[in-house]
Amino acid sequence: MAHYSTEHAAFGPVSNPISRFFATIGNALVLMSTANARVRQVERLQSLSNEQLAERGMRREDIARHVFRDLYWG
């Protein structure tokens, strides 16, 4: 089973207010892209039949737990 991390440290702490503003926007964009990828993964898994999910060792009710396991079900 492959594991991956979605933590991004793209923009660290900055002291300049203008830089801080743009760093906040950058962090928001990173979070939005991560969330969008997760939504697409849920939609893709939801489109599979129960048999296809079973081949992957999953049940339909496990999809959210699988996709968001690193955020909510640590």
N, C-alpha and C. Protein backbone atom coordinates (compact mmCIF):
# COMPACT_ATOMS: atom_id res chain seq x y z
N MET A 1 0.85 -1.17 0.00
CA MET A 1 0.00 0.00 0.00
C MET A 1 0.90 1.24 0.00
N ALA A 2 0.59 2.18 -0.82
CA ALA A 2 1.38 3.40 -0.91
C ALA A 2 0.88 4.42 0.11
N HIS A 3 1.81 5.16 0.68
CA HIS A 3 1.46 6.22 1.61
C HIS A 3 2.04 7.52 1.07
N TYR A 4 1.31 8.59 1.30
CA TYR A 4 1.81 9.88 0.87
C TYR A 4 1.36 10.94 1.86
N SER A 5 2.05 12.03 1.88
CA SER A 5 1.72 13.12 2.78
C SER A 5 1.23 14.30 1.97
N THR A 6 0.24 14.99 2.51
CA THR A 6 -0.28 16.16 1.82
C THR A 6 0.05 17.44 2.56
N GLU A 7 0.98 17.36 3.51
CA GLU A 7 1.36 18.55 4.24
C GLU A 7 2.28 19.40 3.37
N HIS A 8 1.98 20.67 3.34
CA HIS A 8 2.78 21.59 2.55
C HIS A 8 3.29 22.70 3.45
N ALA A 9 4.55 22.98 3.37
CA ALA A 9 5.14 24.09 4.09
C ALA A 9 5.64 25.09 3.06
N ALA A 10 4.77 25.43 2.13
CA ALA A 10 5.16 26.28 1.01
C ALA A 10 5.56 27.68 1.47
N PHE A 11 4.82 28.21 2.42
CA PHE A 11 5.08 29.57 2.85
C PHE A 11 5.25 29.58 4.37
N GLY A 12 6.46 29.85 4.81
CA GLY A 12 6.72 29.89 6.24
C GLY A 12 6.34 31.24 6.83
N PRO A 13 6.63 31.44 8.11
CA PRO A 13 6.29 32.70 8.75
C PRO A 13 7.10 33.86 8.16
N VAL A 14 6.43 34.97 7.96
CA VAL A 14 7.09 36.17 7.43
C VAL A 14 6.67 37.36 8.28
N SER A 15 7.55 38.37 8.37
CA SER A 15 7.27 39.50 9.24
C SER A 15 6.68 40.70 8.50
N ASN A 16 6.94 40.83 7.22
CA ASN A 16 6.43 41.95 6.45
C ASN A 16 4.93 41.77 6.23
N PRO A 17 4.09 42.77 6.59
CA PRO A 17 2.64 42.62 6.45
C PRO A 17 2.19 42.32 5.01
N ILE A 18 2.83 42.91 4.04
CA ILE A 18 2.45 42.65 2.65
C ILE A 18 2.83 41.21 2.27
N SER A 19 4.02 40.80 2.66
CA SER A 19 4.43 39.42 2.39
C SER A 19 3.53 38.44 3.12
N ARG A 20 3.15 38.77 4.35
CA ARG A 20 2.27 37.91 5.13
C ARG A 20 0.92 37.76 4.43
N PHE A 21 0.41 38.86 3.86
CA PHE A 21 -0.85 38.83 3.12
C PHE A 21 -0.77 37.85 1.95
N PHE A 22 0.29 37.96 1.15
CA PHE A 22 0.43 37.08 -0.01
C PHE A 22 0.73 35.64 0.40
N ALA A 23 1.45 35.46 1.50
CA ALA A 23 1.70 34.11 2.00
C ALA A 23 0.39 33.45 2.43
N THR A 24 -0.50 34.24 3.04
CA THR A 24 -1.81 33.72 3.44
C THR A 24 -2.61 33.29 2.21
N ILE A 25 -2.58 34.10 1.17
CA ILE A 25 -3.27 33.74 -0.07
C ILE A 25 -2.66 32.47 -0.66
N GLY A 26 -1.35 32.38 -0.66
CA GLY A 26 -0.67 31.19 -1.18
C GLY A 26 -1.04 29.94 -0.39
N ASN A 27 -1.07 30.06 0.93
CA ASN A 27 -1.46 28.91 1.76
C ASN A 27 -2.90 28.51 1.49
N ALA A 28 -3.79 29.48 1.30
CA ALA A 28 -5.19 29.17 1.00
C ALA A 28 -5.30 28.43 -0.34
N LEU A 29 -4.53 28.85 -1.32
CA LEU A 29 -4.56 28.17 -2.63
C LEU A 29 -4.06 26.73 -2.52
N VAL A 30 -3.03 26.51 -1.72
CA VAL A 30 -2.53 25.15 -1.52
C VAL A 30 -3.60 24.29 -0.86
N LEU A 31 -4.26 24.83 0.17
CA LEU A 31 -5.32 24.07 0.84
C LEU A 31 -6.48 23.78 -0.10
N MET A 32 -6.85 24.76 -0.93
CA MET A 32 -7.96 24.55 -1.87
C MET A 32 -7.61 23.47 -2.88
N SER A 33 -6.39 23.47 -3.38
CA SER A 33 -6.02 22.45 -4.37
C SER A 33 -6.00 21.07 -3.74
N THR A 34 -5.56 20.97 -2.50
CA THR A 34 -5.57 19.69 -1.80
C THR A 34 -6.99 19.21 -1.59
N ALA A 35 -7.87 20.11 -1.15
CA ALA A 35 -9.27 19.74 -0.92
C ALA A 35 -9.93 19.31 -2.22
N ASN A 36 -9.64 20.03 -3.31
CA ASN A 36 -10.22 19.70 -4.61
C ASN A 36 -9.77 18.31 -5.06
N ALA A 37 -8.53 17.96 -4.84
CA ALA A 37 -8.04 16.64 -5.21
C ALA A 37 -8.75 15.56 -4.41
N ARG A 38 -9.02 15.82 -3.15
CA ARG A 38 -9.72 14.85 -2.31
C ARG A 38 -11.16 14.67 -2.77
N VAL A 39 -11.81 15.77 -3.12
CA VAL A 39 -13.19 15.68 -3.62
C VAL A 39 -13.24 14.86 -4.90
N ARG A 40 -12.29 15.08 -5.79
CA ARG A 40 -12.23 14.29 -7.03
C ARG A 40 -12.01 12.81 -6.73
N GLN A 41 -11.18 12.52 -5.74
CA GLN A 41 -10.94 11.12 -5.38
C GLN A 41 -12.21 10.49 -4.82
N VAL A 42 -12.95 11.21 -3.97
CA VAL A 42 -14.22 10.70 -3.44
C VAL A 42 -15.19 10.44 -4.59
N GLU A 43 -15.30 11.40 -5.51
CA GLU A 43 -16.22 11.23 -6.64
C GLU A 43 -15.83 10.04 -7.50
N ARG A 44 -14.54 9.85 -7.72
CA ARG A 44 -14.08 8.72 -8.52
C ARG A 44 -14.42 7.40 -7.84
N LEU A 45 -14.19 7.33 -6.54
CA LEU A 45 -14.50 6.10 -5.82
C LEU A 45 -16.01 5.86 -5.73
N GLN A 46 -16.79 6.95 -5.58
CA GLN A 46 -18.25 6.81 -5.52
C GLN A 46 -18.80 6.28 -6.84
N SER A 47 -18.11 6.55 -7.94
CA SER A 47 -18.60 6.12 -9.25
C SER A 47 -18.36 4.62 -9.49
N LEU A 48 -17.53 3.99 -8.66
CA LEU A 48 -17.27 2.56 -8.82
C LEU A 48 -18.44 1.75 -8.29
N SER A 49 -18.60 0.56 -8.83
CA SER A 49 -19.65 -0.35 -8.33
C SER A 49 -19.20 -0.95 -7.00
N ASN A 50 -20.14 -1.54 -6.27
CA ASN A 50 -19.80 -2.19 -5.01
C ASN A 50 -18.79 -3.31 -5.22
N GLU A 51 -18.91 -4.01 -6.34
CA GLU A 51 -17.98 -5.09 -6.65
C GLU A 51 -16.56 -4.55 -6.87
N GLN A 52 -16.47 -3.43 -7.59
CA GLN A 52 -15.16 -2.83 -7.84
C GLN A 52 -14.54 -2.33 -6.53
N LEU A 53 -15.37 -1.77 -5.66
CA LEU A 53 -14.86 -1.33 -4.36
C LEU A 53 -14.38 -2.53 -3.55
N ALA A 54 -15.14 -3.62 -3.60
CA ALA A 54 -14.76 -4.83 -2.86
C ALA A 54 -13.43 -5.37 -3.35
N GLU A 55 -13.16 -5.27 -4.64
CA GLU A 55 -11.87 -5.70 -5.19
C GLU A 55 -10.72 -4.90 -4.59
N ARG A 56 -11.01 -3.67 -4.19
CA ARG A 56 -10.00 -2.81 -3.56
C ARG A 56 -10.00 -2.96 -2.04
N GLY A 57 -10.86 -3.85 -1.54
CA GLY A 57 -10.93 -4.05 -0.09
C GLY A 57 -11.68 -2.95 0.62
N MET A 58 -12.62 -2.31 -0.08
CA MET A 58 -13.36 -1.19 0.49
C MET A 58 -14.86 -1.44 0.39
N ARG A 59 -15.58 -0.75 1.27
CA ARG A 59 -17.03 -0.68 1.17
C ARG A 59 -17.39 0.77 0.91
N ARG A 60 -18.56 0.99 0.38
CA ARG A 60 -18.99 2.35 0.04
C ARG A 60 -18.92 3.28 1.25
N GLU A 61 -19.31 2.78 2.41
CA GLU A 61 -19.30 3.63 3.61
C GLU A 61 -17.88 3.94 4.11
N ASP A 62 -16.87 3.29 3.54
CA ASP A 62 -15.48 3.53 3.94
C ASP A 62 -14.77 4.57 3.07
N ILE A 63 -15.44 5.07 2.04
CA ILE A 63 -14.77 5.98 1.09
C ILE A 63 -14.26 7.24 1.78
N ALA A 64 -15.11 7.92 2.52
CA ALA A 64 -14.68 9.17 3.19
C ALA A 64 -13.55 8.88 4.17
N ARG A 65 -13.68 7.81 4.93
CA ARG A 65 -12.63 7.45 5.89
C ARG A 65 -11.31 7.19 5.16
N HIS A 66 -11.38 6.55 4.01
CA HIS A 66 -10.17 6.26 3.23
C HIS A 66 -9.53 7.54 2.68
N VAL A 67 -10.33 8.41 2.09
CA VAL A 67 -9.79 9.61 1.44
C VAL A 67 -9.26 10.62 2.47
N PHE A 68 -9.96 10.75 3.60
CA PHE A 68 -9.59 11.76 4.59
C PHE A 68 -8.90 11.15 5.82
N ARG A 69 -8.37 9.94 5.68
CA ARG A 69 -7.82 9.22 6.83
C ARG A 69 -6.70 9.97 7.52
N ASP A 70 -5.89 10.72 6.80
CA ASP A 70 -4.78 11.43 7.43
C ASP A 70 -5.21 12.71 8.12
N LEU A 71 -6.41 13.20 7.82
CA LEU A 71 -6.88 14.42 8.45
C LEU A 71 -7.74 14.16 9.68
N TYR A 72 -8.64 13.19 9.59
CA TYR A 72 -9.64 13.00 10.64
C TYR A 72 -9.49 11.70 11.40
N TRP A 73 -8.94 10.69 10.78
CA TRP A 73 -8.85 9.39 11.42
C TRP A 73 -7.38 8.98 11.55
N GLY A 74 -6.61 9.79 12.25
CA GLY A 74 -5.18 9.57 12.38
C GLY A 74 -4.84 8.32 13.03
